[in-house]
Amino acid sequence: MEILDKVIVVTGAASGIGKALAVRFRAEGAKQIVSVDLDEAGAQATAEEVGGIAMRADVGEEADVASVIERTEADVGPIDLFCSNAGVALGADLEAPNGEWRTSWHVNVMSHVYAARHVVPRMIARGGGYFLITASAAGLLNQIGLAAYGVTKHAAVGFGEWLAITHGHEGIGVSLLCPQAVRTAMTANASPATAAAAGDGMMEPEVLTDFVVVGLREERFLILPHPEVLEYMRRKTDDYDRWIGGMNRLMQRLTRVEQGR
């Protein structure tokens, strides 16, 4: 998947990873970039920076996602790459409100389902296309300090797997972007969740885009900007009980640090 001359939609494009992807895609010669975000002003600012188009949408609402796809295909052109990037970090523990779980489910999981439901059939009809999901290393390794986030990111990974298994032979490429901590508004805190994710360092979003461009070019299913994640996955599957025990000890240590502040 080369970026040159492609029509690309990026959700969560007002800031963070989404904005960095839009900027990098422009530098790689994308034909047109549609920046989508609930933050309309932020999406517009990104669009102006990359010479693209802004659209406001709540990706947790199917009608909004369907509208973005319909408007893009009608007014811009066939979508070559859909970057389902928007996400929320909510639901710390068992006491988290049900509303945080619902929002996490709709934004972190159903947004991908909605997008695929409305764009993948179009892609198949014209011979193929590409779908990128920002799933996070939390979708592979879980997330200390954020129950709803870890659970829904696991579901996002599962959906990406299903999508690739079901439609790969029909020309649909699928990649899952699974970084650890990236310097965004989501990680601008000192919580145990951020401390756990940043154990191997905090990556700048502009650096992350290097891995995305290469991963898309090589059509890798897992794009792992932090190479340590692959080793952690191997340890997890090699001895699940030992891995759970180690994660529990890490959680206890990080909790003690937070309580000692």
Protein backbone atom coordinates (compact mmCIF):
# COMPACT_ATOMS: atom_id res chain seq x y z
CA MET A 1 0.00 0.00 0.00
CA GLU A 2 1.67 3.17 -1.22
CA ILE A 3 0.37 6.57 -0.08
CA LEU A 4 1.15 8.41 -3.30
CA ASP A 5 -1.98 9.64 -5.11
CA LYS A 6 -4.35 7.98 -2.64
CA VAL A 7 -7.59 9.34 -1.17
CA ILE A 8 -7.33 8.85 2.59
CA VAL A 9 -9.74 9.35 5.47
CA VAL A 10 -8.30 9.79 8.97
CA THR A 11 -10.56 9.84 12.03
CA GLY A 12 -9.40 11.50 15.23
CA ALA A 13 -7.43 13.88 13.02
CA ALA A 14 -7.68 17.02 15.15
CA SER A 15 -4.64 16.11 17.23
CA GLY A 16 -2.22 13.41 18.31
CA ILE A 17 -1.68 10.36 16.15
CA GLY A 18 -4.45 11.29 13.73
CA LYS A 19 -3.02 14.71 12.97
CA ALA A 20 0.50 13.30 12.63
CA LEU A 21 -0.78 10.70 10.16
CA ALA A 22 -2.54 13.35 8.07
CA VAL A 23 0.59 15.50 7.92
CA ARG A 24 2.78 12.53 7.00
CA PHE A 25 0.37 11.28 4.35
CA ARG A 26 0.46 14.72 2.72
CA ALA A 27 4.26 14.61 2.74
CA GLU A 28 4.09 11.17 1.10
CA GLY A 29 2.03 12.59 -1.77
CA ALA A 30 -1.53 11.61 -0.92
CA LYS A 31 -4.03 12.87 -3.48
CA GLN A 32 -6.49 14.07 -0.84
CA ILE A 33 -6.87 13.73 2.92
CA VAL A 34 -10.16 13.98 4.76
CA SER A 35 -9.62 14.93 8.41
CA VAL A 36 -12.46 13.73 10.64
CA ASP A 37 -13.02 14.58 14.27
CA LEU A 38 -15.71 15.45 16.80
CA ASP A 39 -13.61 18.58 17.37
CA GLU A 40 -14.63 20.42 14.22
CA ALA A 41 -12.22 23.32 14.70
CA GLY A 42 -9.33 20.92 15.25
CA ALA A 43 -10.24 18.89 12.18
CA GLN A 44 -10.40 22.10 10.16
CA ALA A 45 -6.98 23.19 11.40
CA THR A 46 -5.47 19.87 10.35
CA ALA A 47 -7.21 20.05 6.98
CA GLU A 48 -5.82 23.52 6.37
CA GLU A 49 -2.33 22.36 7.28
CA VAL A 50 -2.42 19.49 4.80
CA GLY A 51 -4.51 21.16 2.12
CA GLY A 52 -7.32 18.72 2.68
CA ILE A 53 -10.95 18.61 3.74
CA ALA A 54 -12.43 18.60 7.24
CA MET A 55 -15.55 16.78 8.38
CA ARG A 56 -17.12 16.74 11.83
CA ALA A 57 -18.31 13.35 13.04
CA ASP A 58 -18.93 11.37 16.19
CA VAL A 59 -17.43 8.04 15.14
CA GLY A 60 -19.45 6.28 17.82
CA GLU A 61 -22.57 7.04 15.76
CA GLU A 62 -23.08 4.94 12.65
CA ALA A 63 -24.96 7.67 10.80
CA ASP A 64 -22.01 10.05 11.20
CA VAL A 65 -19.50 7.49 9.93
CA ALA A 66 -21.74 6.56 7.01
CA SER A 67 -22.09 10.25 6.12
CA VAL A 68 -18.32 10.77 6.09
CA ILE A 69 -17.87 7.86 3.72
CA GLU A 70 -20.76 8.89 1.46
CA ARG A 71 -19.62 12.52 1.26
CA THR A 72 -16.02 11.57 0.62
CA GLU A 73 -16.87 9.12 -2.13
CA ALA A 74 -19.30 11.56 -3.75
CA ASP A 75 -17.31 14.78 -3.47
CA VAL A 76 -13.65 13.70 -3.27
CA GLY A 77 -13.30 10.27 -4.82
CA PRO A 78 -13.10 6.57 -3.99
CA ILE A 79 -11.47 5.98 -0.60
CA ASP A 80 -8.21 4.06 -0.96
CA LEU A 81 -7.22 4.01 2.71
CA PHE A 82 -9.52 4.41 5.71
CA CYS A 83 -7.64 5.12 8.94
CA SER A 84 -10.00 4.29 11.79
CA ASN A 85 -7.87 6.03 14.39
CA ALA A 86 -10.15 7.83 16.86
CA GLY A 87 -10.22 6.41 20.38
CA VAL A 88 -10.95 7.22 24.01
CA ALA A 89 -9.15 6.20 27.22
CA LEU A 90 -11.90 5.70 29.80
CA GLY A 91 -13.06 3.21 32.42
CA ALA A 92 -10.34 2.89 35.04
CA ASP A 93 -11.71 -0.02 37.06
CA LEU A 94 -14.79 -1.86 38.34
CA GLU A 95 -16.19 1.40 39.72
CA ALA A 96 -16.10 3.13 36.34
CA PRO A 97 -19.56 4.41 35.31
CA ASN A 98 -21.49 2.38 32.77
CA GLY A 99 -21.44 5.43 30.53
CA GLU A 100 -17.65 5.21 30.23
CA TRP A 101 -17.93 1.58 29.21
CA ARG A 102 -20.60 2.41 26.63
CA THR A 103 -18.57 5.26 25.17
CA SER A 104 -15.47 3.07 25.06
CA TRP A 105 -17.38 0.34 23.25
CA HIS A 106 -18.88 2.67 20.68
CA VAL A 107 -15.70 4.65 19.93
CA ASN A 108 -13.01 1.99 20.36
CA VAL A 109 -14.88 -0.89 18.71
CA MET A 110 -18.08 -0.03 16.89
CA SER A 111 -16.51 2.90 15.03
CA HIS A 112 -14.37 0.34 13.17
CA VAL A 113 -17.38 -1.85 12.49
CA TYR A 114 -19.39 1.10 11.17
CA ALA A 115 -16.57 2.26 8.93
CA ALA A 116 -15.92 -1.20 7.53
CA ARG A 117 -19.62 -1.82 7.04
CA HIS A 118 -19.95 1.23 4.80
CA VAL A 119 -16.58 1.37 3.01
CA VAL A 120 -15.41 -2.23 2.58
CA PRO A 121 -18.20 -3.28 0.17
CA ARG A 122 -17.38 -0.25 -1.98
CA MET A 123 -13.69 -1.18 -1.94
CA ILE A 124 -14.44 -4.79 -2.89
CA ALA A 125 -16.65 -3.68 -5.77
CA ARG A 126 -13.81 -1.68 -7.31
CA GLY A 127 -11.11 -4.27 -6.73
CA GLY A 128 -9.79 -3.55 -3.23
CA GLY A 129 -8.72 -1.04 -0.64
CA TYR A 130 -7.01 -0.68 2.71
CA PHE A 131 -8.25 -0.41 6.30
CA LEU A 132 -6.01 0.74 9.17
CA ILE A 133 -7.17 0.41 12.78
CA THR A 134 -5.35 2.14 15.62
CA ALA A 135 -5.72 -0.63 18.17
CA SER A 136 -2.86 0.05 20.65
CA ALA A 137 -0.52 -2.41 22.32
CA ALA A 138 -3.26 -2.54 24.96
CA GLY A 139 -5.24 -4.63 22.48
CA LEU A 140 -2.51 -7.26 22.59
CA LEU A 141 -1.22 -6.95 26.16
CA ASN A 142 -4.08 -5.29 28.08
CA GLN A 143 -3.82 -2.01 30.00
CA ILE A 144 -3.01 -1.57 33.66
CA GLY A 145 -5.21 1.15 35.13
CA LEU A 146 -7.78 1.32 32.32
CA ALA A 147 -10.21 -1.59 32.28
CA ALA A 148 -12.59 -0.39 29.56
CA TYR A 149 -9.72 0.75 27.36
CA GLY A 150 -7.89 -2.58 27.57
CA VAL A 151 -11.04 -4.62 26.99
CA THR A 152 -12.29 -2.62 24.01
CA LYS A 153 -8.87 -2.46 22.38
CA HIS A 154 -8.78 -6.27 22.58
CA ALA A 155 -12.11 -6.28 20.77
CA ALA A 156 -10.69 -3.93 18.12
CA VAL A 157 -7.87 -6.41 17.50
CA GLY A 158 -10.40 -9.21 17.20
CA PHE A 159 -12.42 -7.25 14.66
CA GLY A 160 -9.32 -6.45 12.63
CA GLU A 161 -8.41 -10.14 12.56
CA TRP A 162 -11.92 -11.05 11.44
CA LEU A 163 -11.87 -8.40 8.72
CA ALA A 164 -8.58 -9.66 7.30
CA ILE A 165 -9.64 -13.31 7.50
CA THR A 166 -12.98 -12.66 5.85
CA HIS A 167 -12.08 -10.17 3.13
CA GLY A 168 -8.36 -10.52 2.49
CA HIS A 169 -8.93 -12.62 -0.65
CA GLU A 170 -11.22 -9.86 -1.97
CA GLY A 171 -8.47 -7.27 -2.06
CA ILE A 172 -8.97 -5.75 1.39
CA GLY A 173 -5.72 -5.02 3.19
CA VAL A 174 -5.88 -4.65 6.97
CA SER A 175 -3.29 -3.35 9.39
CA LEU A 176 -3.48 -2.85 13.14
CA LEU A 177 -1.38 -0.03 14.55
CA CYS A 178 -0.39 -1.12 18.07
CA PRO A 179 1.99 1.33 19.77
CA GLN A 180 2.70 1.67 23.45
CA ALA A 181 2.79 5.21 24.85
CA VAL A 182 2.70 8.04 22.31
CA ARG A 183 2.95 11.67 23.35
CA THR A 184 -0.63 12.89 22.91
CA ALA A 185 -3.34 14.44 25.08
CA MET A 186 -4.27 10.90 26.11
CA THR A 187 -0.89 10.40 27.80
CA ALA A 188 -0.50 13.89 29.27
CA ASN A 189 -0.85 12.65 32.85
CA ALA A 190 1.01 10.71 35.51
CA SER A 191 -1.51 7.89 35.98
CA PRO A 192 -0.51 4.23 36.46
CA ALA A 193 -1.96 3.56 33.00
CA THR A 194 0.40 6.04 31.35
CA ALA A 195 3.33 4.87 33.49
CA ALA A 196 2.70 1.27 32.43
CA ALA A 197 2.39 2.15 28.74
CA ALA A 198 5.51 4.35 28.85
CA GLY A 199 7.73 1.71 30.41
CA ASP A 200 9.76 1.50 27.20
CA GLY A 201 9.65 5.23 26.55
CA MET A 202 7.26 7.83 25.18
CA MET A 203 7.22 8.01 21.38
CA GLU A 204 6.55 11.21 19.48
CA PRO A 205 3.61 10.90 17.05
CA GLU A 206 5.77 12.12 14.17
CA VAL A 207 8.19 9.24 14.78
CA LEU A 208 5.31 6.77 14.91
CA THR A 209 4.30 7.75 11.36
CA ASP A 210 7.60 6.36 10.06
CA PHE A 211 6.50 2.91 11.20
CA VAL A 212 3.04 3.38 9.73
CA VAL A 213 4.30 4.27 6.27
CA VAL A 214 6.67 1.29 6.22
CA GLY A 215 4.05 -1.05 7.67
CA LEU A 216 1.50 -0.05 5.06
CA ARG A 217 4.03 -0.37 2.27
CA GLU A 218 4.87 -3.90 3.41
CA GLU A 219 1.20 -4.59 4.19
CA ARG A 220 1.96 -5.94 7.66
CA PHE A 221 -1.04 -6.95 9.72
CA LEU A 222 0.60 -5.79 12.97
CA ILE A 223 2.42 -2.47 12.91
CA LEU A 224 4.49 -2.36 16.11
CA PRO A 225 6.33 0.95 16.57
CA HIS A 226 7.66 -0.38 19.88
CA PRO A 227 9.48 -3.63 18.97
CA GLU A 228 9.37 -4.78 22.61
CA VAL A 229 5.67 -5.52 22.18
CA LEU A 230 6.42 -8.55 20.01
CA GLU A 231 8.58 -10.07 22.73
CA TYR A 232 5.94 -9.34 25.36
CA MET A 233 3.37 -11.13 23.18
CA ARG A 234 5.65 -14.15 22.93
CA ARG A 235 6.12 -14.26 26.70
CA LYS A 236 2.36 -13.97 27.19
CA THR A 237 1.52 -16.89 24.92
CA ASP A 238 4.48 -18.99 26.09
CA ASP A 239 3.39 -18.96 29.76
CA TYR A 240 0.12 -17.18 30.35
CA ASP A 241 0.10 -17.71 34.14
CA ARG A 242 3.61 -16.33 34.55
CA TRP A 243 2.71 -13.33 32.39
CA ILE A 244 -0.43 -12.59 34.44
CA GLY A 245 1.64 -12.78 37.62
CA GLY A 246 4.22 -10.38 36.24
CA MET A 247 1.57 -7.90 35.14
CA ASN A 248 -0.04 -8.10 38.57
CA ARG A 249 3.27 -7.27 40.24
CA LEU A 250 3.79 -4.36 37.85
CA MET A 251 0.30 -3.07 38.67
CA GLN A 252 1.02 -3.25 42.41
CA ARG A 253 4.32 -1.41 42.01
CA LEU A 254 2.79 1.37 39.92
CA THR A 255 -0.11 1.73 42.35
CA ARG A 256 2.28 2.10 45.29
CA VAL A 257 4.21 4.77 43.39
CA GLU A 258 0.99 6.70 42.73
CA GLN A 259 -0.14 6.42 46.34
CA GLY A 260 3.26 7.61 47.56
CA ARG A 261 3.09 10.91 45.72
